Amino acid sequence: MYAEKIPGRCITIDQKQYLYFGGTSYLGMHARPDFGALVTEGIQLFGTNYGASRHGAAITVFYEAETKMQTWLEAPACVWVSSGTLAGRLALAVLGDDYQYHYMPNTHVAIHPFFDHHTPGSLNGAVEDTLDLISNSAFDQHVIAMNTFDSLTASALPLDWIQRIPKNKKVILLIDDSHGIGVVGNRGQGMYSMISSLHEDTIMISSLGKGMGLPAGVIAGPVEFIAACKAHGMFGGSSPSIPAYSYAYLHADTLYQNARQIVTHHMTTFNQSLRTDLFSYTSGFPIYYTKQDSIADYLMMQGIKIPSFSYPRPVDKKYTRIILHGLHTAEDIHTLAQLLANY
């Protein structure tokens, strides 16, 4: 089953159009003409790409975008790279071998090089085991790597345990907020400021290609750590993000705010009629998970396509979800709710 073009509000499969409730472009920025116009302006100013090292010519638009995002995230410093996975691998490279690493279940491969399968509902026990291991360890420096959200099961990282991290050890929280940034929080700024307020030694990496609609990644954290990232050979030896998108980001405040308002309204409307016997969700997060995989076939017959596939390998468990985004209309949400009420 192949889509004929990148889906937006709709997806075309085998020349038939379906309403599409999937994907990770939560705000729908990738298909908004007004955002596309800003990217076009950026291309006219900076070209289609810039493949040279940032250790060469200092292009001001990169620094302007990073400064703006640093303020928005309430972070001491941040740096952009070309993808979320590169951001994670660069952060790990800078941290190096002086730490003992603890990977929470289902942590993305960006910050968990050994990830190979997804195990739903396994986080709480792992957290307690990790806190015990750190408390009893002869090693003084530790990194706990984890996602802020599990997009496959629409669940959020619990935060109550963070203040129980042993104070007599240096423990860095390395968080992947790829599914939070742009969407979660009163300004869409994600989870960094909240988690770092609970634990100062927090480093965030994130893809900007989901909620933000930008082909880039970001690392946020202490000034010294970000400086070390910029000095690392992996940063200097890799191509930067596309400068036209940095330009678009700098001029898209109103568009992002409008898109978040749309998604928030859709969630409020959908939650009012949501069948909680079928779906689980996290408040403020536009993903709805169901164990009833047959819902995907039912909706497909009604002209609606939702994601339902095995992850990360074809032999693994199937995950079926509904994802609301900024391109949907109020009528789309109503149509979906009516169909689910009749399931």
C-alpha atoms as a PDB file:
ATOM      1  CA  MET A   1       0.000   0.000   0.000  1.00  0.00           C
ATOM      2  CA  TYR A   2       1.675   3.187  -1.204  1.00  0.00           C
ATOM      3  CA  ALA A   3       0.652   6.829  -0.867  1.00  0.00           C
ATOM      4  CA  GLU A   4       0.988   8.833  -4.059  1.00  0.00           C
ATOM      5  CA  LYS A   5       2.260  11.970  -2.291  1.00  0.00           C
ATOM      6  CA  ILE A   6       3.046  13.218   1.194  1.00  0.00           C
ATOM      7  CA  PRO A   7      -0.268  13.198   3.097  1.00  0.00           C
ATOM      8  CA  GLY A   8      -1.788  16.270   4.647  1.00  0.00           C
ATOM      9  CA  ARG A   9      -5.435  16.420   5.655  1.00  0.00           C
ATOM     10  CA  CYS A  10      -6.029  13.612   3.168  1.00  0.00           C
ATOM     11  CA  ILE A  11      -4.011  10.745   1.770  1.00  0.00           C
ATOM     12  CA  THR A  12      -4.357   9.186  -1.683  1.00  0.00           C
ATOM     13  CA  ILE A  13      -3.850   5.428  -1.920  1.00  0.00           C
ATOM     14  CA  ASP A  14      -4.388   3.476  -5.150  1.00  0.00           C
ATOM     15  CA  GLN A  15      -6.023   6.591  -6.612  1.00  0.00           C
ATOM     16  CA  LYS A  16      -8.596   6.740  -3.798  1.00  0.00           C
ATOM     17  CA  GLN A  17      -8.650   9.625  -1.308  1.00  0.00           C
ATOM     18  CA  TYR A  18      -9.045   9.085   2.447  1.00  0.00           C
ATOM     19  CA  LEU A  19      -9.206  11.450   5.401  1.00  0.00           C
ATOM     20  CA  TYR A  20      -5.880  10.974   7.160  1.00  0.00           C
ATOM     21  CA  PHE A  21      -5.518  10.815  10.933  1.00  0.00           C
ATOM     22  CA  GLY A  22      -1.860   9.869  11.124  1.00  0.00           C
ATOM     23  CA  GLY A  23       1.686  11.131  10.856  1.00  0.00           C
ATOM     24  CA  THR A  24       3.756  13.181  13.278  1.00  0.00           C
ATOM     25  CA  SER A  25       3.286  16.611  11.698  1.00  0.00           C
ATOM     26  CA  TYR A  26       1.062  17.530  14.633  1.00  0.00           C
ATOM     27  CA  LEU A  27       0.624  21.173  13.651  1.00  0.00           C
ATOM     28  CA  GLY A  28       0.404  20.394   9.928  1.00  0.00           C
ATOM     29  CA  MET A  29       3.115  22.916   9.101  1.00  0.00           C
ATOM     30  CA  HIS A  30       4.495  20.797   6.249  1.00  0.00           C
ATOM     31  CA  ALA A  31       1.336  21.347   4.192  1.00  0.00           C
ATOM     32  CA  ARG A  32       0.376  24.905   5.143  1.00  0.00           C
ATOM     33  CA  PRO A  33       0.740  27.232   2.138  1.00  0.00           C
ATOM     34  CA  ASP A  34       1.555  30.189   4.399  1.00  0.00           C
ATOM     35  CA  PHE A  35       4.426  28.320   6.009  1.00  0.00           C
ATOM     36  CA  GLY A  36       5.553  27.120   2.578  1.00  0.00           C
ATOM     37  CA  ALA A  37       5.639  30.740   1.439  1.00  0.00           C
ATOM     38  CA  LEU A  38       8.056  31.575   4.261  1.00  0.00           C
ATOM     39  CA  VAL A  39      10.283  28.645   3.243  1.00  0.00           C
ATOM     40  CA  THR A  40      10.202  29.946  -0.336  1.00  0.00           C
ATOM     41  CA  GLU A  41      11.294  33.381   0.889  1.00  0.00           C
ATOM     42  CA  GLY A  42      14.105  31.681   2.767  1.00  0.00           C
ATOM     43  CA  ILE A  43      15.209  29.771  -0.328  1.00  0.00           C
ATOM     44  CA  GLN A  44      15.324  32.998  -2.298  1.00  0.00           C
ATOM     45  CA  LEU A  45      17.609  34.487   0.360  1.00  0.00           C
ATOM     46  CA  PHE A  46      19.770  31.474   1.299  1.00  0.00           C
ATOM     47  CA  GLY A  47      19.403  28.939  -1.515  1.00  0.00           C
ATOM     48  CA  THR A  48      17.994  25.416  -1.370  1.00  0.00           C
ATOM     49  CA  ASN A  49      20.712  24.043   0.901  1.00  0.00           C
ATOM     50  CA  TYR A  50      24.003  24.823   2.623  1.00  0.00           C
ATOM     51  CA  GLY A  51      26.288  21.806   2.847  1.00  0.00           C
ATOM     52  CA  ALA A  52      29.443  23.348   4.283  1.00  0.00           C
ATOM     53  CA  SER A  53      30.599  23.069   7.877  1.00  0.00           C
ATOM     54  CA  ARG A  54      29.361  25.715  10.296  1.00  0.00           C
ATOM     55  CA  HIS A  55      32.979  26.062  11.381  1.00  0.00           C
ATOM     56  CA  GLY A  56      33.477  27.891   8.092  1.00  0.00           C
ATOM     57  CA  ALA A  57      31.305  30.868   7.155  1.00  0.00           C
ATOM     58  CA  ALA A  58      29.117  32.044  10.039  1.00  0.00           C
ATOM     59  CA  ILE A  59      25.600  32.310   8.601  1.00  0.00           C
ATOM     60  CA  THR A  60      23.681  34.629  10.923  1.00  0.00           C
ATOM     61  CA  VAL A  61      20.275  32.997  10.381  1.00  0.00           C
ATOM     62  CA  PHE A  62      21.454  29.859  12.229  1.00  0.00           C
ATOM     63  CA  TYR A  63      22.424  31.845  15.321  1.00  0.00           C
ATOM     64  CA  GLU A  64      19.264  33.928  15.214  1.00  0.00           C
ATOM     65  CA  ALA A  65      17.108  30.779  15.135  1.00  0.00           C
ATOM     66  CA  GLU A  66      19.055  29.179  17.982  1.00  0.00           C
ATOM     67  CA  THR A  67      18.837  32.307  20.129  1.00  0.00           C
ATOM     68  CA  LYS A  68      15.089  32.521  19.593  1.00  0.00           C
ATOM     69  CA  MET A  69      14.563  28.836  20.395  1.00  0.00           C
ATOM     70  CA  GLN A  70      16.783  29.059  23.476  1.00  0.00           C
ATOM     71  CA  THR A  71      14.540  31.799  24.872  1.00  0.00           C
ATOM     72  CA  TRP A  72      11.362  29.926  23.948  1.00  0.00           C
ATOM     73  CA  LEU A  73      12.548  26.700  25.593  1.00  0.00           C
ATOM     74  CA  GLU A  74      13.790  28.624  28.667  1.00  0.00           C
ATOM     75  CA  ALA A  75      17.143  26.882  28.178  1.00  0.00           C
ATOM     76  CA  PRO A  76      20.606  28.219  29.054  1.00  0.00           C
ATOM     77  CA  ALA A  77      21.766  27.460  25.492  1.00  0.00           C
ATOM     78  CA  CYS A  78      20.879  25.412  22.422  1.00  0.00           C
ATOM     79  CA  VAL A  79      22.281  24.378  19.066  1.00  0.00           C
ATOM     80  CA  TRP A  80      20.626  23.182  15.865  1.00  0.00           C
ATOM     81  CA  VAL A  81      21.836  20.271  13.741  1.00  0.00           C
ATOM     82  CA  SER A  82      20.365  18.582  10.688  1.00  0.00           C
ATOM     83  CA  SER A  83      18.203  15.953  12.442  1.00  0.00           C
ATOM     84  CA  GLY A  84      16.969  14.745  15.796  1.00  0.00           C
ATOM     85  CA  THR A  85      18.962  11.537  15.542  1.00  0.00           C
ATOM     86  CA  LEU A  86      22.171  13.482  14.881  1.00  0.00           C
ATOM     87  CA  ALA A  87      21.317  15.654  17.886  1.00  0.00           C
ATOM     88  CA  GLY A  88      21.064  12.562  20.068  1.00  0.00           C
ATOM     89  CA  ARG A  89      24.243  10.951  18.793  1.00  0.00           C
ATOM     90  CA  LEU A  90      26.163  14.206  19.164  1.00  0.00           C
ATOM     91  CA  ALA A  91      24.952  14.576  22.763  1.00  0.00           C
ATOM     92  CA  LEU A  92      26.063  11.006  23.526  1.00  0.00           C
ATOM     93  CA  ALA A  93      29.436  11.605  21.888  1.00  0.00           C
ATOM     94  CA  VAL A  94      30.045  14.727  23.973  1.00  0.00           C
ATOM     95  CA  LEU A  95      29.006  12.989  27.199  1.00  0.00           C
ATOM     96  CA  GLY A  96      31.461  10.220  26.343  1.00  0.00           C
ATOM     97  CA  ASP A  97      32.548   7.263  28.442  1.00  0.00           C
ATOM     98  CA  ASP A  98      32.822   8.938  31.838  1.00  0.00           C
ATOM     99  CA  TYR A  99      29.243   8.042  32.747  1.00  0.00           C
ATOM    100  CA  GLN A 100      27.281   4.906  33.484  1.00  0.00           C
ATOM    101  CA  TYR A 101      24.273   4.870  31.153  1.00  0.00           C
ATOM    102  CA  HIS A 102      20.750   3.777  32.033  1.00  0.00           C
ATOM    103  CA  TYR A 103      18.271   3.549  29.151  1.00  0.00           C
ATOM    104  CA  MET A 104      14.591   3.650  30.003  1.00  0.00           C
ATOM    105  CA  PRO A 105      12.368   1.237  28.036  1.00  0.00           C
ATOM    106  CA  ASN A 106      11.429   2.377  24.520  1.00  0.00           C
ATOM    107  CA  THR A 107      13.951   5.226  24.477  1.00  0.00           C
ATOM    108  CA  HIS A 108      14.480   6.312  20.877  1.00  0.00           C
ATOM    109  CA  VAL A 109      17.530   5.088  19.019  1.00  0.00           C
ATOM    110  CA  ALA A 110      18.797   8.677  18.855  1.00  0.00           C
ATOM    111  CA  ILE A 111      19.900   8.400  22.500  1.00  0.00           C
ATOM    112  CA  HIS A 112      19.668   4.608  22.926  1.00  0.00           C
ATOM    113  CA  PRO A 113      22.119   3.004  20.484  1.00  0.00           C
ATOM    114  CA  PHE A 114      20.993  -0.506  21.528  1.00  0.00           C
ATOM    115  CA  PHE A 115      17.236  -0.046  21.048  1.00  0.00           C
ATOM    116  CA  ASP A 116      15.698  -2.972  19.148  1.00  0.00           C
ATOM    117  CA  HIS A 117      12.122  -3.472  20.349  1.00  0.00           C
ATOM    118  CA  HIS A 118       9.229  -1.624  21.968  1.00  0.00           C
ATOM    119  CA  THR A 119       7.711  -2.864  25.245  1.00  0.00           C
ATOM    120  CA  PRO A 120       4.569  -0.974  26.296  1.00  0.00           C
ATOM    121  CA  GLY A 121       3.852  -0.390  29.974  1.00  0.00           C
ATOM    122  CA  SER A 122       7.363  -1.208  31.183  1.00  0.00           C
ATOM    123  CA  LEU A 123       8.555   2.193  32.425  1.00  0.00           C
ATOM    124  CA  ASN A 124       7.587   2.337  36.107  1.00  0.00           C
ATOM    125  CA  GLY A 125       9.455  -0.793  37.134  1.00  0.00           C
ATOM    126  CA  ALA A 126      12.497   0.304  35.153  1.00  0.00           C
ATOM    127  CA  VAL A 127      12.547   3.688  36.873  1.00  0.00           C
ATOM    128  CA  GLU A 128      12.598   2.128  40.339  1.00  0.00           C
ATOM    129  CA  ASP A 129      15.281  -0.374  39.327  1.00  0.00           C
ATOM    130  CA  THR A 130      17.406   2.440  37.888  1.00  0.00           C
ATOM    131  CA  LEU A 131      17.137   4.585  41.020  1.00  0.00           C
ATOM    132  CA  ASP A 132      18.178   1.579  43.114  1.00  0.00           C
ATOM    133  CA  LEU A 133      21.102   0.822  40.788  1.00  0.00           C
ATOM    134  CA  ILE A 134      22.345   4.406  40.971  1.00  0.00           C
ATOM    135  CA  SER A 135      21.949   4.555  44.760  1.00  0.00           C
ATOM    136  CA  ASN A 136      23.946   1.359  45.241  1.00  0.00           C
ATOM    137  CA  SER A 137      26.521   1.978  42.519  1.00  0.00           C
ATOM    138  CA  ALA A 138      30.153   2.620  43.283  1.00  0.00           C
ATOM    139  CA  PHE A 139      30.161   4.802  40.171  1.00  0.00           C
ATOM    140  CA  ASP A 140      29.545   8.511  40.796  1.00  0.00           C
ATOM    141  CA  GLN A 141      28.452   9.720  37.333  1.00  0.00           C
ATOM    142  CA  HIS A 142      25.307   8.507  35.595  1.00  0.00           C
ATOM    143  CA  VAL A 143      23.095   9.329  32.617  1.00  0.00           C
ATOM    144  CA  ILE A 144      19.404   8.387  32.491  1.00  0.00           C
ATOM    145  CA  ALA A 145      18.176   8.463  28.874  1.00  0.00           C
ATOM    146  CA  MET A 146      14.451   8.527  28.136  1.00  0.00           C
ATOM    147  CA  ASN A 147      11.644   9.811  25.915  1.00  0.00           C
ATOM    148  CA  THR A 148       9.236  12.391  27.270  1.00  0.00           C
ATOM    149  CA  PHE A 149       6.375  10.789  25.324  1.00  0.00           C
ATOM    150  CA  ASP A 150       5.693   7.340  23.929  1.00  0.00           C
ATOM    151  CA  SER A 151       3.927   8.211  20.691  1.00  0.00           C
ATOM    152  CA  LEU A 152       2.999   4.573  20.055  1.00  0.00           C
ATOM    153  CA  THR A 153       0.870   4.268  23.206  1.00  0.00           C
ATOM    154  CA  ALA A 154      -0.015   7.968  23.686  1.00  0.00           C
ATOM    155  CA  SER A 155       1.579   7.965  27.140  1.00  0.00           C
ATOM    156  CA  ALA A 156       3.711  10.584  28.872  1.00  0.00           C
ATOM    157  CA  LEU A 157       6.776  10.208  31.039  1.00  0.00           C
ATOM    158  CA  PRO A 158       5.780  10.379  34.733  1.00  0.00           C
ATOM    159  CA  LEU A 159       7.697  13.090  36.555  1.00  0.00           C
ATOM    160  CA  ASP A 160       7.130  12.271  40.229  1.00  0.00           C
ATOM    161  CA  TRP A 161      10.267  10.114  40.527  1.00  0.00           C
ATOM    162  CA  ILE A 162      12.687  12.777  39.261  1.00  0.00           C
ATOM    163  CA  GLN A 163      13.026  14.472  42.647  1.00  0.00           C
ATOM    164  CA  ARG A 164      14.031  11.104  44.134  1.00  0.00           C
ATOM    165  CA  ILE A 165      17.189  10.933  42.023  1.00  0.00           C
ATOM    166  CA  PRO A 166      20.095  10.382  44.459  1.00  0.00           C
ATOM    167  CA  LYS A 167      21.634  13.721  45.414  1.00  0.00           C
ATOM    168  CA  ASN A 168      25.027  12.245  46.262  1.00  0.00           C
ATOM    169  CA  LYS A 169      25.694  11.280  42.626  1.00  0.00           C
ATOM    170  CA  LYS A 170      26.046  13.343  39.469  1.00  0.00           C
ATOM    171  CA  VAL A 171      23.052  12.252  37.403  1.00  0.00           C
ATOM    172  CA  ILE A 172      22.255  13.757  34.007  1.00  0.00           C
ATOM    173  CA  LEU A 173      18.793  13.378  32.535  1.00  0.00           C
ATOM    174  CA  LEU A 174      19.081  13.027  28.760  1.00  0.00           C
ATOM    175  CA  ILE A 175      15.578  13.470  27.346  1.00  0.00           C
ATOM    176  CA  ASP A 176      14.187  13.112  23.836  1.00  0.00           C
ATOM    177  CA  ASP A 177      11.290  15.543  23.480  1.00  0.00           C
ATOM    178  CA  SER A 178      10.665  15.002  19.763  1.00  0.00           C
ATOM    179  CA  HIS A 179       6.944  14.411  20.259  1.00  0.00           C
ATOM    180  CA  GLY A 180       6.444  17.202  22.788  1.00  0.00           C
ATOM    181  CA  ILE A 181       8.183  20.233  21.332  1.00  0.00           C
ATOM    182  CA  GLY A 182       5.852  22.411  19.273  1.00  0.00           C
ATOM    183  CA  VAL A 183       2.715  20.822  20.724  1.00  0.00           C
ATOM    184  CA  VAL A 184       2.841  20.364  24.508  1.00  0.00           C
ATOM    185  CA  GLY A 185       2.976  23.222  26.998  1.00  0.00           C
ATOM    186  CA  ASN A 186       1.114  26.515  27.167  1.00  0.00           C
ATOM    187  CA  ARG A 187       3.366  27.930  24.437  1.00  0.00           C
ATOM    188  CA  GLY A 188       4.126  24.649  22.723  1.00  0.00           C
ATOM    189  CA  GLN A 189       7.631  24.676  24.168  1.00  0.00           C
ATOM    190  CA  GLY A 190       7.563  21.026  25.208  1.00  0.00           C
ATOM    191  CA  MET A 191       8.896  19.496  28.418  1.00  0.00           C
ATOM    192  CA  TYR A 192      12.419  20.862  28.839  1.00  0.00           C
ATOM    193  CA  SER A 193      11.659  23.767  31.172  1.00  0.00           C
ATOM    194  CA  MET A 194       9.402  21.646  33.384  1.00  0.00           C
ATOM    195  CA  ILE A 195      11.870  18.773  33.724  1.00  0.00           C
ATOM    196  CA  SER A 196      14.927  21.002  34.153  1.00  0.00           C
ATOM    197  CA  SER A 197      13.104  22.854  36.945  1.00  0.00           C
ATOM    198  CA  LEU A 198      12.911  19.503  38.760  1.00  0.00           C
ATOM    199  CA  HIS A 199      16.457  18.437  37.923  1.00  0.00           C
ATOM    200  CA  GLU A 200      19.023  21.029  36.896  1.00  0.00           C
ATOM    201  CA  ASP A 201      21.338  18.577  35.119  1.00  0.00           C
ATOM    202  CA  THR A 202      18.981  18.017  32.179  1.00  0.00           C
ATOM    203  CA  ILE A 203      19.920  17.872  28.510  1.00  0.00           C
ATOM    204  CA  MET A 204      17.230  17.759  25.853  1.00  0.00           C
ATOM    205  CA  ILE A 205      17.518  16.556  22.298  1.00  0.00           C
ATOM    206  CA  SER A 206      14.649  16.736  19.845  1.00  0.00           C
ATOM    207  CA  SER A 207      13.697  16.383  16.252  1.00  0.00           C
ATOM    208  CA  LEU A 208      12.152  19.586  14.930  1.00  0.00           C
ATOM    209  CA  GLY A 209      10.594  17.687  12.043  1.00  0.00           C
ATOM    210  CA  LYS A 210       7.418  16.719  13.875  1.00  0.00           C
ATOM    211  CA  GLY A 211       5.433  19.452  15.589  1.00  0.00           C
ATOM    212  CA  MET A 212       7.660  22.226  14.263  1.00  0.00           C
ATOM    213  CA  GLY A 213       7.752  21.017  10.648  1.00  0.00           C
ATOM    214  CA  LEU A 214      11.470  21.785  10.291  1.00  0.00           C
ATOM    215  CA  PRO A 215      14.083  19.382   8.835  1.00  0.00           C
ATOM    216  CA  ALA A 216      16.423  19.873  11.791  1.00  0.00           C
ATOM    217  CA  GLY A 217      17.243  18.767  15.303  1.00  0.00           C
ATOM    218  CA  VAL A 218      18.093  20.647  18.485  1.00  0.00           C
ATOM    219  CA  ILE A 219      20.130  20.103  21.638  1.00  0.00           C
ATOM    220  CA  ALA A 220      19.329  22.256  24.682  1.00  0.00           C
ATOM    221  CA  GLY A 221      21.110  22.356  28.004  1.00  0.00           C
ATOM    222  CA  PRO A 222      23.931  23.946  30.016  1.00  0.00           C
ATOM    223  CA  VAL A 223      26.063  26.580  28.285  1.00  0.00           C
ATOM    224  CA  GLU A 224      29.279  24.549  28.740  1.00  0.00           C
ATOM    225  CA  PHE A 225      27.706  21.424  27.277  1.00  0.00           C
ATOM    226  CA  ILE A 226      26.353  23.216  24.203  1.00  0.00           C
ATOM    227  CA  ALA A 227      29.767  24.811  23.686  1.00  0.00           C
ATOM    228  CA  ALA A 228      31.307  21.328  23.779  1.00  0.00           C
ATOM    229  CA  CYS A 229      28.753  20.147  21.194  1.00  0.00           C
ATOM    230  CA  LYS A 230      29.746  23.000  18.857  1.00  0.00           C
ATOM    231  CA  ALA A 231      33.420  22.154  19.326  1.00  0.00           C
ATOM    232  CA  HIS A 232      32.970  18.449  18.602  1.00  0.00           C
ATOM    233  CA  GLY A 233      34.113  16.993  15.289  1.00  0.00           C
ATOM    234  CA  MET A 234      30.684  15.473  14.672  1.00  0.00           C
ATOM    235  CA  PHE A 235      29.194  18.973  14.631  1.00  0.00           C
ATOM    236  CA  GLY A 236      31.919  20.533  12.522  1.00  0.00           C
ATOM    237  CA  GLY A 237      32.054  17.569  10.166  1.00  0.00           C
ATOM    238  CA  SER A 238      28.333  17.411   9.402  1.00  0.00           C
ATOM    239  CA  SER A 239      26.201  19.592   7.171  1.00  0.00           C
ATOM    240  CA  PRO A 240      23.908  21.984   9.064  1.00  0.00           C
ATOM    241  CA  SER A 241      20.146  22.236   8.826  1.00  0.00           C
ATOM    242  CA  ILE A 242      18.729  23.999   5.761  1.00  0.00           C
ATOM    243  CA  PRO A 243      19.001  27.777   6.392  1.00  0.00           C
ATOM    244  CA  ALA A 244      15.748  28.548   4.543  1.00  0.00           C
ATOM    245  CA  TYR A 245      13.866  26.727   7.303  1.00  0.00           C
ATOM    246  CA  SER A 246      15.680  28.681   9.992  1.00  0.00           C
ATOM    247  CA  TYR A 247      14.397  31.800   8.241  1.00  0.00           C
ATOM    248  CA  ALA A 248      10.863  30.404   8.115  1.00  0.00           C
ATOM    249  CA  TYR A 249      10.966  29.553  11.811  1.00  0.00           C
ATOM    250  CA  LEU A 250      12.047  33.085  12.687  1.00  0.00           C
ATOM    251  CA  HIS A 251       8.983  34.542  10.957  1.00  0.00           C
ATOM    252  CA  ALA A 252       6.300  31.956  11.773  1.00  0.00           C
ATOM    253  CA  ASP A 253       5.177  32.834  15.313  1.00  0.00           C
ATOM    254  CA  THR A 254       1.603  33.661  14.286  1.00  0.00           C
ATOM    255  CA  LEU A 255       1.347  30.504  12.166  1.00  0.00           C
ATOM    256  CA  TYR A 256       2.555  28.240  14.977  1.00  0.00           C
ATOM    257  CA  GLN A 257       0.204  29.886  17.457  1.00  0.00           C
ATOM    258  CA  ASN A 258      -2.740  29.490  15.087  1.00  0.00           C
ATOM    259  CA  ALA A 259      -1.927  25.830  14.419  1.00  0.00           C
ATOM    260  CA  ARG A 260      -1.652  25.039  18.147  1.00  0.00           C
ATOM    261  CA  GLN A 261      -5.023  26.680  18.770  1.00  0.00           C
ATOM    262  CA  ILE A 262      -6.575  24.521  16.053  1.00  0.00           C
ATOM    263  CA  VAL A 263      -5.100  21.306  17.454  1.00  0.00           C
ATOM    264  CA  THR A 264      -6.130  22.237  20.999  1.00  0.00           C
ATOM    265  CA  HIS A 265      -9.692  22.881  19.853  1.00  0.00           C
ATOM    266  CA  HIS A 266      -9.764  19.564  17.987  1.00  0.00           C
ATOM    267  CA  MET A 267      -8.594  17.685  21.093  1.00  0.00           C
ATOM    268  CA  THR A 268     -11.198  19.373  23.278  1.00  0.00           C
ATOM    269  CA  THR A 269     -13.976  18.508  20.823  1.00  0.00           C
ATOM    270  CA  PHE A 270     -12.828  14.934  20.242  1.00  0.00           C
ATOM    271  CA  ASN A 271     -12.344  14.212  23.959  1.00  0.00           C
ATOM    272  CA  GLN A 272     -15.960  15.121  24.680  1.00  0.00           C
ATOM    273  CA  SER A 273     -17.215  12.090  22.759  1.00  0.00           C
ATOM    274  CA  LEU A 274     -14.180   9.830  23.084  1.00  0.00           C
ATOM    275  CA  ARG A 275     -14.895   6.207  23.842  1.00  0.00           C
ATOM    276  CA  THR A 276     -12.546   5.555  26.731  1.00  0.00           C
ATOM    277  CA  ASP A 277     -13.391   1.865  26.515  1.00  0.00           C
ATOM    278  CA  LEU A 278     -11.505   1.838  23.216  1.00  0.00           C
ATOM    279  CA  PHE A 279      -8.844   4.539  23.516  1.00  0.00           C
ATOM    280  CA  SER A 280      -6.247   5.803  25.968  1.00  0.00           C
ATOM    281  CA  TYR A 281      -4.587   9.209  25.709  1.00  0.00           C
ATOM    282  CA  THR A 282      -2.624  11.859  27.570  1.00  0.00           C
ATOM    283  CA  SER A 283      -4.275  15.226  28.134  1.00  0.00           C
ATOM    284  CA  GLY A 284      -2.839  17.857  25.803  1.00  0.00           C
ATOM    285  CA  PHE A 285      -1.255  15.276  23.487  1.00  0.00           C
ATOM    286  CA  PRO A 286      -3.030  14.674  20.131  1.00  0.00           C
ATOM    287  CA  ILE A 287      -2.499  10.890  19.912  1.00  0.00           C
ATOM    288  CA  TYR A 288      -5.098   8.287  20.861  1.00  0.00           C
ATOM    289  CA  TYR A 289      -4.045   4.647  21.237  1.00  0.00           C
ATOM    290  CA  THR A 290      -6.269   1.595  20.955  1.00  0.00           C
ATOM    291  CA  LYS A 291      -5.618  -2.118  21.407  1.00  0.00           C
ATOM    292  CA  GLN A 292      -8.475  -2.801  18.979  1.00  0.00           C
ATOM    293  CA  ASP A 293      -6.476  -3.073  15.753  1.00  0.00           C
ATOM    294  CA  SER A 294      -9.640  -3.873  13.783  1.00  0.00           C
ATOM    295  CA  ILE A 295     -10.691  -0.213  14.151  1.00  0.00           C
ATOM    296  CA  ALA A 296      -8.197   0.617  11.403  1.00  0.00           C
ATOM    297  CA  ASP A 297      -9.957  -1.671   8.896  1.00  0.00           C
ATOM    298  CA  TYR A 298     -13.374  -0.390   9.964  1.00  0.00           C
ATOM    299  CA  LEU A 299     -12.380   3.245   9.445  1.00  0.00           C
ATOM    300  CA  MET A 300     -10.640   2.436   6.153  1.00  0.00           C
ATOM    301  CA  MET A 301     -13.928   1.105   4.792  1.00  0.00           C
ATOM    302  CA  GLN A 302     -15.518   4.410   5.861  1.00  0.00           C
ATOM    303  CA  GLY A 303     -12.926   6.506   4.035  1.00  0.00           C
ATOM    304  CA  ILE A 304     -10.543   7.261   6.927  1.00  0.00           C
ATOM    305  CA  LYS A 305      -6.927   6.090   7.145  1.00  0.00           C
ATOM    306  CA  ILE A 306      -5.199   5.781  10.527  1.00  0.00           C
ATOM    307  CA  PRO A 307      -1.760   4.339  11.340  1.00  0.00           C
ATOM    308  CA  SER A 308      -1.767   0.656  12.290  1.00  0.00           C
ATOM    309  CA  PHE A 309       1.544  -1.132  11.858  1.00  0.00           C
ATOM    310  CA  SER A 310       4.169  -3.221  13.637  1.00  0.00           C
ATOM    311  CA  TYR A 311       7.100  -1.376  15.209  1.00  0.00           C
ATOM    312  CA  PRO A 312      10.038  -1.287  14.944  1.00  0.00           C
ATOM    313  CA  ARG A 313      10.213  -4.564  12.986  1.00  0.00           C
ATOM    314  CA  PRO A 314       7.518  -6.274  10.888  1.00  0.00           C
ATOM    315  CA  VAL A 315       7.434  -9.162  13.398  1.00  0.00           C
ATOM    316  CA  ASP A 316       6.780  -6.897  16.394  1.00  0.00           C
ATOM    317  CA  LYS A 317       3.546  -5.813  18.038  1.00  0.00           C
ATOM    318  CA  LYS A 318       1.125  -3.741  15.976  1.00  0.00           C
ATOM    319  CA  TYR A 319       0.213  -0.256  17.235  1.00  0.00           C
ATOM    320  CA  THR A 320      -3.046   1.361  16.158  1.00  0.00           C
ATOM    321  CA  ARG A 321      -3.584   5.051  16.788  1.00  0.00           C
ATOM    322  CA  ILE A 322      -5.568   8.119  15.840  1.00  0.00           C
ATOM    323  CA  ILE A 323      -3.579  11.343  15.469  1.00  0.00           C
ATOM    324  CA  LEU A 324      -5.227  14.751  15.271  1.00  0.00           C
ATOM    325  CA  HIS A 325      -3.366  17.561  13.539  1.00  0.00           C
ATOM    326  CA  GLY A 326      -3.665  21.173  12.501  1.00  0.00           C
ATOM    327  CA  LEU A 327      -4.910  20.454   8.978  1.00  0.00           C
ATOM    328  CA  HIS A 328      -8.137  18.789  10.064  1.00  0.00           C
ATOM    329  CA  THR A 329     -11.408  20.694   9.991  1.00  0.00           C
ATOM    330  CA  ALA A 330     -14.107  20.705  12.657  1.00  0.00           C
ATOM    331  CA  GLU A 331     -16.228  18.608  10.284  1.00  0.00           C
ATOM    332  CA  ASP A 332     -13.430  16.031  10.029  1.00  0.00           C
ATOM    333  CA  ILE A 333     -13.377  15.635  13.807  1.00  0.00           C
ATOM    334  CA  HIS A 334     -17.164  15.310  13.905  1.00  0.00           C
ATOM    335  CA  THR A 335     -17.128  12.653  11.156  1.00  0.00           C
ATOM    336  CA  LEU A 336     -14.479  10.620  12.975  1.00  0.00           C
ATOM    337  CA  ALA A 337     -16.301  10.848  16.314  1.00  0.00           C
ATOM    338  CA  GLN A 338     -19.589   9.699  14.750  1.00  0.00           C
ATOM    339  CA  LEU A 339     -17.967   6.703  13.115  1.00  0.00           C
ATOM    340  CA  LEU A 340     -16.289   5.658  16.361  1.00  0.00           C
ATOM    341  CA  ALA A 341     -19.553   6.019  18.253  1.00  0.00           C
ATOM    342  CA  ASN A 342     -21.043   3.449  15.879  1.00  0.00           C
ATOM    343  CA  TYR A 343     -18.132   1.010  16.057  1.00  0.00           C
END
